[in-house]
Amino acid sequence: MEEEKETYIAVEVESVQKQDIFVENIFSGNVYADKDVYVMPKIVGKVEEVKVSVGDFVEKDDILFILNEEDIQNQVDLARAAYNSALANYERTKEQIENAKDAFQRTKELYEEGAVSKAEYDQAKLAASDKSLEAIQAQVNQARIGYNQALDALDNAQVKAPISGTVTSVNIEEGEYATNSSPAVVIMDMENVKIVVNVTESIINKLYPGKEVTVEIDAAELKTQAEIETVSDSVNPQTGLYEVKIRVPNDSNIKSGMFASVIVPTDIRENVIAIPAQAVLQKEDGKVVYTVDGDKAVENTVETGLDIGDRIEITTGLSEGAQVIIKGQDYVSEGTNIKVVRGE
């Protein structure tokens, strides 16, 4: 009689080990200069000399451009005249109001005696009001500010760099007028750069300043560890997202505007049992994992924790060192004959 061949299920296994697992969150962002300064003169002035070009590195207090002092002096004279005119107008109006107040007292007495009309009384009261003087005082204050700014500009005809950095834009030429309404020179401090990403409310409370992240900038061929610098407490009403900033040292290859990926680990579980997610099967009575005992499959009821997609935490039901079936598990049950063909 021919001997019946023993059948078995070929399986692949993995030895259970404790490990660290976490959820890997990937965000896209852009690179910005650590400091981005727009330099403007304190007063409109004719440019006498431009001393920098785009791409130049400047130190703090280096001269960027020089304004014509004679042109500024003319503006100082005009500002002084405007201020003196405002002061004279104030004194003149003040004297008129003082006289009007004396006249109002007389009109008030006559009104109470019935000698003048209500309209005449109201007109005298309006003329004695300090409201017009308050408006002129505001004009005096504004003229004083303009005069002081002109004097300050005269002392600062040489416009200097407020920070050290790289000149990224020069918007003036010799002979043109530099204004205080648009930047004449732009300086970026690129010694460090900021990466700005926007995250959802589901993750914002898992982030904090000092948390370590991984930054990848393909254009700069860079992959490095960095720390979160700031986490916004308020949501952007237009996007519904929260802003997070990461500071990264610049090796000179990183340029403002580059695209960056930021990998943020959250829900970190340290020194836990974790196995491939496909090894966990859902049965009617709960979740099970099959392990190897000799040439037999053993069914183990387990409880799970963190699921990160490819791996899943096992909180109870498995011990370190067990051989978990990770392929072929769908074809076995308690006591099935098995043969390990791959794994350890």
Protein backbone atom coordinates (compact mmCIF):
# COMPACT_ATOMS: atom_id res chain seq x y z
CA MET A 1 0.00 0.00 0.00
CA GLU A 2 1.45 3.39 -1.04
CA GLU A 3 2.38 5.63 1.90
CA GLU A 4 0.34 8.84 2.03
CA LYS A 5 2.47 12.01 1.67
CA GLU A 6 2.32 14.49 4.55
CA THR A 7 1.03 17.90 3.47
CA TYR A 8 2.17 21.22 4.86
CA ILE A 9 1.83 24.96 4.30
CA ALA A 10 4.98 26.86 3.35
CA VAL A 11 5.35 29.99 5.49
CA GLU A 12 7.68 32.88 6.06
CA VAL A 13 8.40 33.99 9.62
CA GLU A 14 9.88 36.89 11.55
CA SER A 15 11.39 36.75 15.01
CA VAL A 16 9.60 39.00 17.49
CA GLN A 17 11.83 41.77 18.81
CA LYS A 18 11.28 44.93 20.78
CA GLN A 19 11.78 48.14 18.83
CA ASP A 20 10.83 51.80 18.58
CA ILE A 21 7.97 52.73 16.28
CA PHE A 22 6.31 56.03 15.44
CA VAL A 23 4.00 57.69 12.98
CA GLU A 24 5.97 59.39 10.20
CA ASN A 25 4.33 62.64 9.11
CA ILE A 26 5.67 64.33 5.96
CA PHE A 27 5.00 68.00 5.27
CA SER A 28 5.99 70.18 2.35
CA GLY A 29 7.25 73.71 2.85
CA ASN A 30 9.42 76.48 1.48
CA VAL A 31 12.76 77.95 2.51
CA TYR A 32 12.96 81.55 3.69
CA ALA A 33 15.84 83.72 4.83
CA ASP A 34 16.32 83.85 8.58
CA LYS A 35 16.18 87.64 8.31
CA ASP A 36 14.86 89.59 5.35
CA VAL A 37 15.44 93.35 5.66
CA TYR A 38 14.10 96.06 3.34
CA VAL A 39 16.34 99.15 3.47
CA MET A 40 14.78 102.54 2.76
CA PRO A 41 16.07 106.06 3.38
CA LYS A 42 14.39 108.08 6.11
CA ILE A 43 13.51 110.79 3.60
CA VAL A 44 13.22 111.09 -0.16
CA GLY A 45 16.64 111.93 -1.57
CA LYS A 46 18.66 111.95 -4.76
CA VAL A 47 21.08 109.03 -4.96
CA GLU A 48 24.66 110.23 -5.27
CA GLU A 49 26.40 106.84 -5.20
CA VAL A 50 25.40 103.15 -4.99
CA LYS A 51 28.11 101.06 -3.32
CA VAL A 52 26.64 97.52 -3.55
CA SER A 53 25.40 95.09 -6.17
CA VAL A 54 23.14 92.04 -6.07
CA GLY A 55 25.06 89.09 -4.62
CA ASP A 56 27.43 91.17 -2.50
CA PHE A 57 27.92 90.14 1.11
CA VAL A 58 27.80 93.10 3.48
CA GLU A 59 28.60 93.48 7.14
CA LYS A 60 26.37 95.40 9.53
CA ASP A 61 26.94 99.18 9.14
CA ASP A 62 28.57 98.87 5.71
CA ILE A 63 27.53 101.79 3.45
CA LEU A 64 24.92 100.71 0.89
CA PHE A 65 24.29 104.01 -0.89
CA ILE A 66 24.82 107.74 -0.37
CA LEU A 67 22.21 110.46 -0.79
CA ASN A 68 22.99 113.98 -2.00
CA GLU A 69 23.32 116.13 1.15
CA GLU A 70 22.45 119.36 -0.66
CA ASP A 71 19.20 117.81 -1.84
CA ILE A 72 18.40 116.66 1.71
CA GLN A 73 19.27 120.10 3.10
CA ASN A 74 16.69 121.63 0.76
CA GLN A 75 14.11 119.24 2.21
CA VAL A 76 15.20 120.14 5.74
CA ASP A 77 14.65 123.81 4.92
CA LEU A 78 11.19 123.06 3.51
CA ALA A 79 10.30 120.94 6.54
CA ARG A 80 11.50 123.68 8.90
CA ALA A 81 9.39 126.26 7.05
CA ALA A 82 6.35 123.98 7.23
CA TYR A 83 6.87 123.46 10.96
CA ASN A 84 7.27 127.19 11.64
CA SER A 85 4.16 127.92 9.59
CA ALA A 86 2.19 125.34 11.56
CA LEU A 87 3.39 126.85 14.85
CA ALA A 88 2.43 130.36 13.73
CA ASN A 89 -0.99 129.14 12.67
CA TYR A 90 -1.42 127.48 16.06
CA GLU A 91 -0.54 130.64 17.98
CA ARG A 92 -2.79 132.74 15.76
CA THR A 93 -5.71 130.36 16.17
CA LYS A 94 -5.12 130.11 19.91
CA GLU A 95 -5.30 133.89 20.24
CA GLN A 96 -8.50 133.98 18.17
CA ILE A 97 -10.10 131.34 20.36
CA GLU A 98 -9.12 133.17 23.56
CA ASN A 99 -10.78 136.31 22.19
CA ALA A 100 -13.79 134.25 21.15
CA LYS A 101 -14.10 132.84 24.69
CA ASP A 102 -14.21 136.39 26.13
CA ALA A 103 -16.84 137.32 23.54
CA PHE A 104 -18.83 134.19 24.37
CA GLN A 105 -19.03 135.13 28.04
CA ARG A 106 -20.54 138.48 27.12
CA THR A 107 -22.91 136.83 24.62
CA LYS A 108 -23.95 134.28 27.24
CA GLU A 109 -24.87 137.03 29.69
CA LEU A 110 -26.86 138.85 27.02
CA TYR A 111 -28.56 135.59 26.02
CA GLU A 112 -29.61 134.93 29.60
CA GLU A 113 -31.07 138.45 29.68
CA GLY A 114 -32.88 137.78 26.42
CA ALA A 115 -30.92 140.42 24.53
CA VAL A 116 -29.52 138.07 21.84
CA SER A 117 -31.02 135.19 19.91
CA LYS A 118 -30.30 131.47 20.34
CA ALA A 119 -28.58 131.45 16.94
CA GLU A 120 -26.19 134.21 18.01
CA TYR A 121 -25.49 132.36 21.25
CA ASP A 122 -24.70 129.10 19.41
CA GLN A 123 -22.46 130.88 16.94
CA ALA A 124 -20.47 132.50 19.75
CA LYS A 125 -20.19 129.17 21.57
CA LEU A 126 -18.88 127.42 18.44
CA ALA A 127 -16.26 130.14 17.88
CA ALA A 128 -15.00 129.64 21.45
CA SER A 129 -14.58 125.84 21.02
CA ASP A 130 -11.12 124.28 21.39
CA LYS A 131 -11.82 121.64 18.71
CA SER A 132 -10.29 123.65 15.89
CA LEU A 133 -7.20 124.24 18.05
CA GLU A 134 -6.88 120.49 18.63
CA ALA A 135 -6.87 119.87 14.88
CA ILE A 136 -4.18 122.50 14.35
CA GLN A 137 -2.14 121.02 17.21
CA ALA A 138 -2.19 117.71 15.31
CA GLN A 139 -0.88 119.53 12.25
CA VAL A 140 1.93 121.02 14.34
CA ASN A 141 2.84 117.58 15.68
CA GLN A 142 2.91 116.15 12.17
CA ALA A 143 5.08 119.02 10.91
CA ARG A 144 7.46 118.53 13.86
CA ILE A 145 7.81 114.84 13.03
CA GLY A 146 8.57 115.67 9.39
CA TYR A 147 11.17 118.24 10.40
CA ASN A 148 12.87 115.85 12.83
CA GLN A 149 12.90 113.11 10.19
CA ALA A 150 14.53 115.51 7.73
CA LEU A 151 17.20 116.44 10.28
CA ASP A 152 17.77 112.76 11.02
CA ALA A 153 18.08 112.00 7.32
CA LEU A 154 20.69 114.75 6.98
CA ASP A 155 22.74 112.95 9.60
CA ASN A 156 22.18 109.69 7.74
CA ALA A 157 22.91 110.62 4.14
CA GLN A 158 25.10 107.53 4.11
CA VAL A 159 22.54 104.72 4.29
CA LYS A 160 24.07 101.71 6.04
CA ALA A 161 23.29 98.01 6.30
CA PRO A 162 21.20 97.25 9.41
CA ILE A 163 22.32 93.59 9.41
CA SER A 164 25.04 91.40 7.92
CA GLY A 165 23.89 89.40 4.94
CA THR A 166 23.66 89.05 1.18
CA VAL A 167 22.27 91.80 -1.03
CA THR A 168 19.41 90.23 -2.98
CA SER A 169 17.94 93.32 -4.63
CA VAL A 170 19.10 96.82 -5.57
CA ASN A 171 16.29 99.03 -6.84
CA ILE A 172 18.10 102.38 -7.19
CA GLU A 173 20.62 103.95 -9.52
CA GLU A 174 22.81 107.01 -9.28
CA GLY A 175 20.86 110.15 -10.12
CA GLU A 176 17.50 108.63 -9.24
CA TYR A 177 15.45 109.48 -6.18
CA ALA A 178 15.25 106.95 -3.37
CA THR A 179 11.95 107.07 -1.49
CA ASN A 180 10.81 105.83 1.88
CA SER A 181 7.81 104.06 0.35
CA SER A 182 9.66 101.27 -1.48
CA PRO A 183 12.83 99.32 -0.63
CA ALA A 184 16.02 100.67 -2.17
CA VAL A 185 18.05 97.60 -1.14
CA VAL A 186 17.03 94.19 0.20
CA ILE A 187 19.41 92.20 2.43
CA MET A 188 18.91 88.57 3.45
CA ASP A 189 20.70 86.86 6.31
CA MET A 190 21.14 83.33 4.95
CA GLU A 191 23.55 82.01 7.58
CA ASN A 192 20.52 80.14 8.88
CA VAL A 193 17.30 79.58 6.98
CA LYS A 194 13.71 79.05 8.07
CA ILE A 195 11.48 76.37 6.65
CA VAL A 196 7.77 77.09 6.98
CA VAL A 197 5.20 74.29 6.86
CA ASN A 198 1.49 74.31 7.59
CA VAL A 199 -0.15 71.51 9.58
CA THR A 200 -3.67 70.46 10.51
CA GLU A 201 -5.37 70.66 13.88
CA SER A 202 -5.07 66.88 14.29
CA ILE A 203 -1.29 67.12 14.73
CA ILE A 204 -0.62 70.65 15.99
CA ASN A 205 -0.75 69.68 19.69
CA LYS A 206 1.87 66.97 19.08
CA LEU A 207 4.42 69.57 17.98
CA TYR A 208 6.47 71.90 20.17
CA PRO A 209 9.60 74.09 19.97
CA GLY A 210 12.71 71.92 20.26
CA LYS A 211 11.13 68.78 18.79
CA GLU A 212 13.57 67.06 16.44
CA VAL A 213 12.58 66.61 12.79
CA THR A 214 14.26 65.52 9.57
CA VAL A 215 14.62 68.07 6.77
CA GLU A 216 15.22 67.16 3.13
CA ILE A 217 16.00 69.77 0.45
CA ASP A 218 16.60 67.95 -2.83
CA ALA A 219 17.79 71.05 -4.72
CA ALA A 220 20.57 71.53 -2.15
CA GLU A 221 21.24 67.78 -1.87
CA LEU A 222 20.63 68.09 1.85
CA LYS A 223 19.19 65.72 4.44
CA THR A 224 19.71 66.80 8.04
CA GLN A 225 18.26 66.80 11.52
CA ALA A 226 16.80 70.06 12.80
CA GLU A 227 14.53 71.37 15.54
CA ILE A 228 11.17 73.09 15.46
CA GLU A 229 11.65 76.76 16.33
CA THR A 230 8.08 78.05 16.64
CA VAL A 231 4.55 76.63 16.59
CA SER A 232 1.67 79.01 15.91
CA ASP A 233 -1.15 79.13 18.46
CA SER A 234 -3.62 80.60 15.97
CA VAL A 235 -5.09 79.09 12.82
CA ASN A 236 -4.88 80.74 9.44
CA PRO A 237 -8.53 81.63 8.77
CA GLN A 238 -8.08 81.22 5.03
CA THR A 239 -6.42 77.78 5.04
CA GLY A 240 -7.51 76.34 8.38
CA LEU A 241 -3.88 75.34 9.03
CA TYR A 242 -1.27 76.20 11.68
CA GLU A 243 2.18 77.55 10.81
CA VAL A 244 5.30 75.77 12.05
CA LYS A 245 8.85 77.09 11.54
CA ILE A 246 12.06 75.07 11.53
CA ARG A 247 15.51 76.69 11.57
CA VAL A 248 18.31 75.01 9.61
CA PRO A 249 22.01 76.02 9.38
CA ASN A 250 22.93 76.92 5.81
CA ASP A 251 26.00 75.37 4.15
CA SER A 252 25.66 78.05 1.43
CA ASN A 253 23.83 75.69 -0.93
CA ILE A 254 20.36 76.49 0.40
CA LYS A 255 18.60 79.33 -1.38
CA SER A 256 15.48 81.22 -0.40
CA GLY A 257 12.42 79.83 -2.14
CA MET A 258 13.64 76.24 -2.40
CA PHE A 259 11.19 73.40 -1.75
CA ALA A 260 11.67 71.34 1.42
CA SER A 261 10.21 68.21 2.95
CA VAL A 262 9.94 67.96 6.72
CA ILE A 263 9.53 64.55 8.34
CA VAL A 264 8.02 64.74 11.82
CA PRO A 265 7.82 61.67 14.09
CA THR A 266 4.81 61.55 16.42
CA ASP A 267 3.09 58.98 18.67
CA ILE A 268 6.49 57.50 19.49
CA ARG A 269 6.47 54.08 21.17
CA GLU A 270 9.83 53.01 22.58
CA ASN A 271 11.00 49.44 23.20
CA VAL A 272 7.72 47.73 22.29
CA ILE A 273 6.82 44.55 20.44
CA ALA A 274 5.86 45.41 16.87
CA ILE A 275 5.31 43.06 13.93
CA PRO A 276 4.31 43.42 10.26
CA ALA A 277 0.69 44.56 10.11
CA GLN A 278 -0.30 41.79 7.67
CA ALA A 279 0.54 39.16 10.30
CA VAL A 280 -2.45 40.25 12.41
CA LEU A 281 -5.71 38.61 11.31
CA GLN A 282 -9.19 39.68 12.36
CA LYS A 283 -11.33 36.77 13.57
CA GLU A 284 -14.85 36.76 14.99
CA ASP A 285 -13.53 36.56 18.55
CA GLY A 286 -10.79 39.14 18.08
CA LYS A 287 -7.36 39.54 16.55
CA VAL A 288 -4.97 36.62 16.19
CA VAL A 289 -1.37 36.05 15.19
CA TYR A 290 0.08 32.67 14.20
CA THR A 291 3.44 31.56 15.55
CA VAL A 292 5.58 28.49 14.94
CA ASP A 293 5.97 25.60 17.39
CA GLY A 294 8.13 22.97 15.74
CA ASP A 295 6.29 22.13 12.52
CA LYS A 296 2.88 23.29 13.76
CA ALA A 297 1.07 26.62 13.60
CA VAL A 298 -0.10 28.05 16.93
CA GLU A 299 -2.95 30.57 17.14
CA ASN A 300 -2.33 33.47 19.56
CA THR A 301 -5.04 35.94 20.57
CA VAL A 302 -3.47 39.42 20.74
CA GLU A 303 -4.32 43.01 21.54
CA THR A 304 -2.86 45.78 19.43
CA GLY A 305 -1.74 49.33 20.02
CA LEU A 306 -0.24 51.85 17.59
CA ASP A 307 -0.77 51.03 13.91
CA ILE A 308 1.68 52.86 11.62
CA GLY A 309 0.61 51.15 8.41
CA ASP A 310 3.36 48.63 7.73
CA ARG A 311 3.86 47.63 11.37
CA ILE A 312 1.60 47.35 14.37
CA GLU A 313 2.26 47.33 18.10
CA ILE A 314 1.30 44.20 20.05
CA THR A 315 0.42 45.05 23.65
CA THR A 316 -0.51 41.52 24.85
CA GLY A 317 -0.41 37.99 23.45
CA LEU A 318 3.16 37.74 22.10
CA SER A 319 6.55 37.30 23.71
CA GLU A 320 9.92 38.45 22.50
CA GLY A 321 11.68 35.74 20.47
CA ALA A 322 8.52 34.07 19.15
CA GLN A 323 8.47 33.16 15.43
CA VAL A 324 5.53 35.01 13.85
CA ILE A 325 4.15 33.82 10.51
CA ILE A 326 4.13 36.84 8.21
CA LYS A 327 3.40 35.07 4.91
CA GLY A 328 1.09 32.10 4.53
CA GLN A 329 -0.84 33.06 7.67
CA ASP A 330 -4.12 33.22 5.72
CA TYR A 331 -3.87 29.47 4.98
CA VAL A 332 -3.17 28.09 8.45
CA SER A 333 -5.12 27.48 11.63
CA GLU A 334 -4.35 26.02 15.05
CA GLY A 335 -2.25 22.87 14.57
CA THR A 336 -1.72 23.16 10.79
CA ASN A 337 1.42 21.45 9.52
CA ILE A 338 3.83 24.10 8.30
CA LYS A 339 7.28 24.39 6.81
CA VAL A 340 9.36 27.52 7.28
CA VAL A 341 10.85 28.40 3.90
CA ARG A 342 12.00 31.93 4.66
CA GLY A 343 12.77 34.02 7.71
CA GLU A 344 14.20 33.29 11.10
